Amino acid sequence: MVERGSGIAVWRQIGEQLAEDIRKKRYPAGEQMPPEPELAARFSVNRHTIRRAMAELEQHGLVRIEQGRGTFVQEHAIDYVIGRRTRFSENLRNQGLHGHVEVIDSLVLRNADVARHLGLPRSHPLLRVQLIGKAEGTPINVSEHFFDERRFPDFADELARQRSVSKVYAHFGVDDYTRKWSRITAALPSAEVTRLLGQPKTRPILQIESLNVDQAGVPLQYSLTRFVGDWVQLVISDDDTVPA
């Protein structure tokens, strides 16, 4: 099963064999992995070695370790389309998933850099709304959205009620809006994002900085969205559809 003295750490050999088992569907997506004692007996090693191998698998996004429950094979990634009309709930609905957003916090502030993106004076009051996006009840992103507080004074309250950004825009008379630009980077999560998404702090997230505009091209919304890196794969599309 493992070769001692081969120059390759035993825990790494175990991790590679378990990764191969996962790729060949011997452990299907979402299924719980065998407990540590069973794996330790299979490979004739101690539980610490198994724990080290599992940590490596989690680092590569193949499993997720849930305290008090066990280790589970990571579900397949969600294709999240970034296009001219990016809509969270619609993105998930197109894949047969139920998605919604929940308001975590909101406040009025001033930020010169964000105001510049929105085409507003440096000291203009901004509304910042922090959301958590969920797919089938599981958090997949945390986001911060900035709006002109004078144009959308009750945006956070309406969003808490409707749980859809598009519906709230319609409430304010904005029938359609499009993505002007997006900037995608990989980063390590902050302590707060780690807590909200329930992922290890050493696992990178996908971060999208973006600007939405109304039909007249006037900036509406500057956003920073942070996705769980191993649950979501971003698809860039001109026509807002997922490629076959």
Foldseek 3Di string as FASTA:
>chain_A
DADPPPPDDRLQVLLVVVVVCDVVPVADAFHFDDDQVVSCVVSVHHSVSPVVSLVVCVLVLQWAADPPPHIGGHHAAQEQEDEFAGWQQVSLVVVVWGKFKAWDDKDKDFAQVVCVLQVHHRGQIKMKTWIFMDTNRATFKIKIKIFRCVLQVCLNVVCNVPRTNCVSVVVSVQNDKTWPDKDKDKDFDDPVRCVVNVGDSSHIWIWIWTWMATPVRRTGMTMIMTGRHSRHDYDYDHVRDDDD
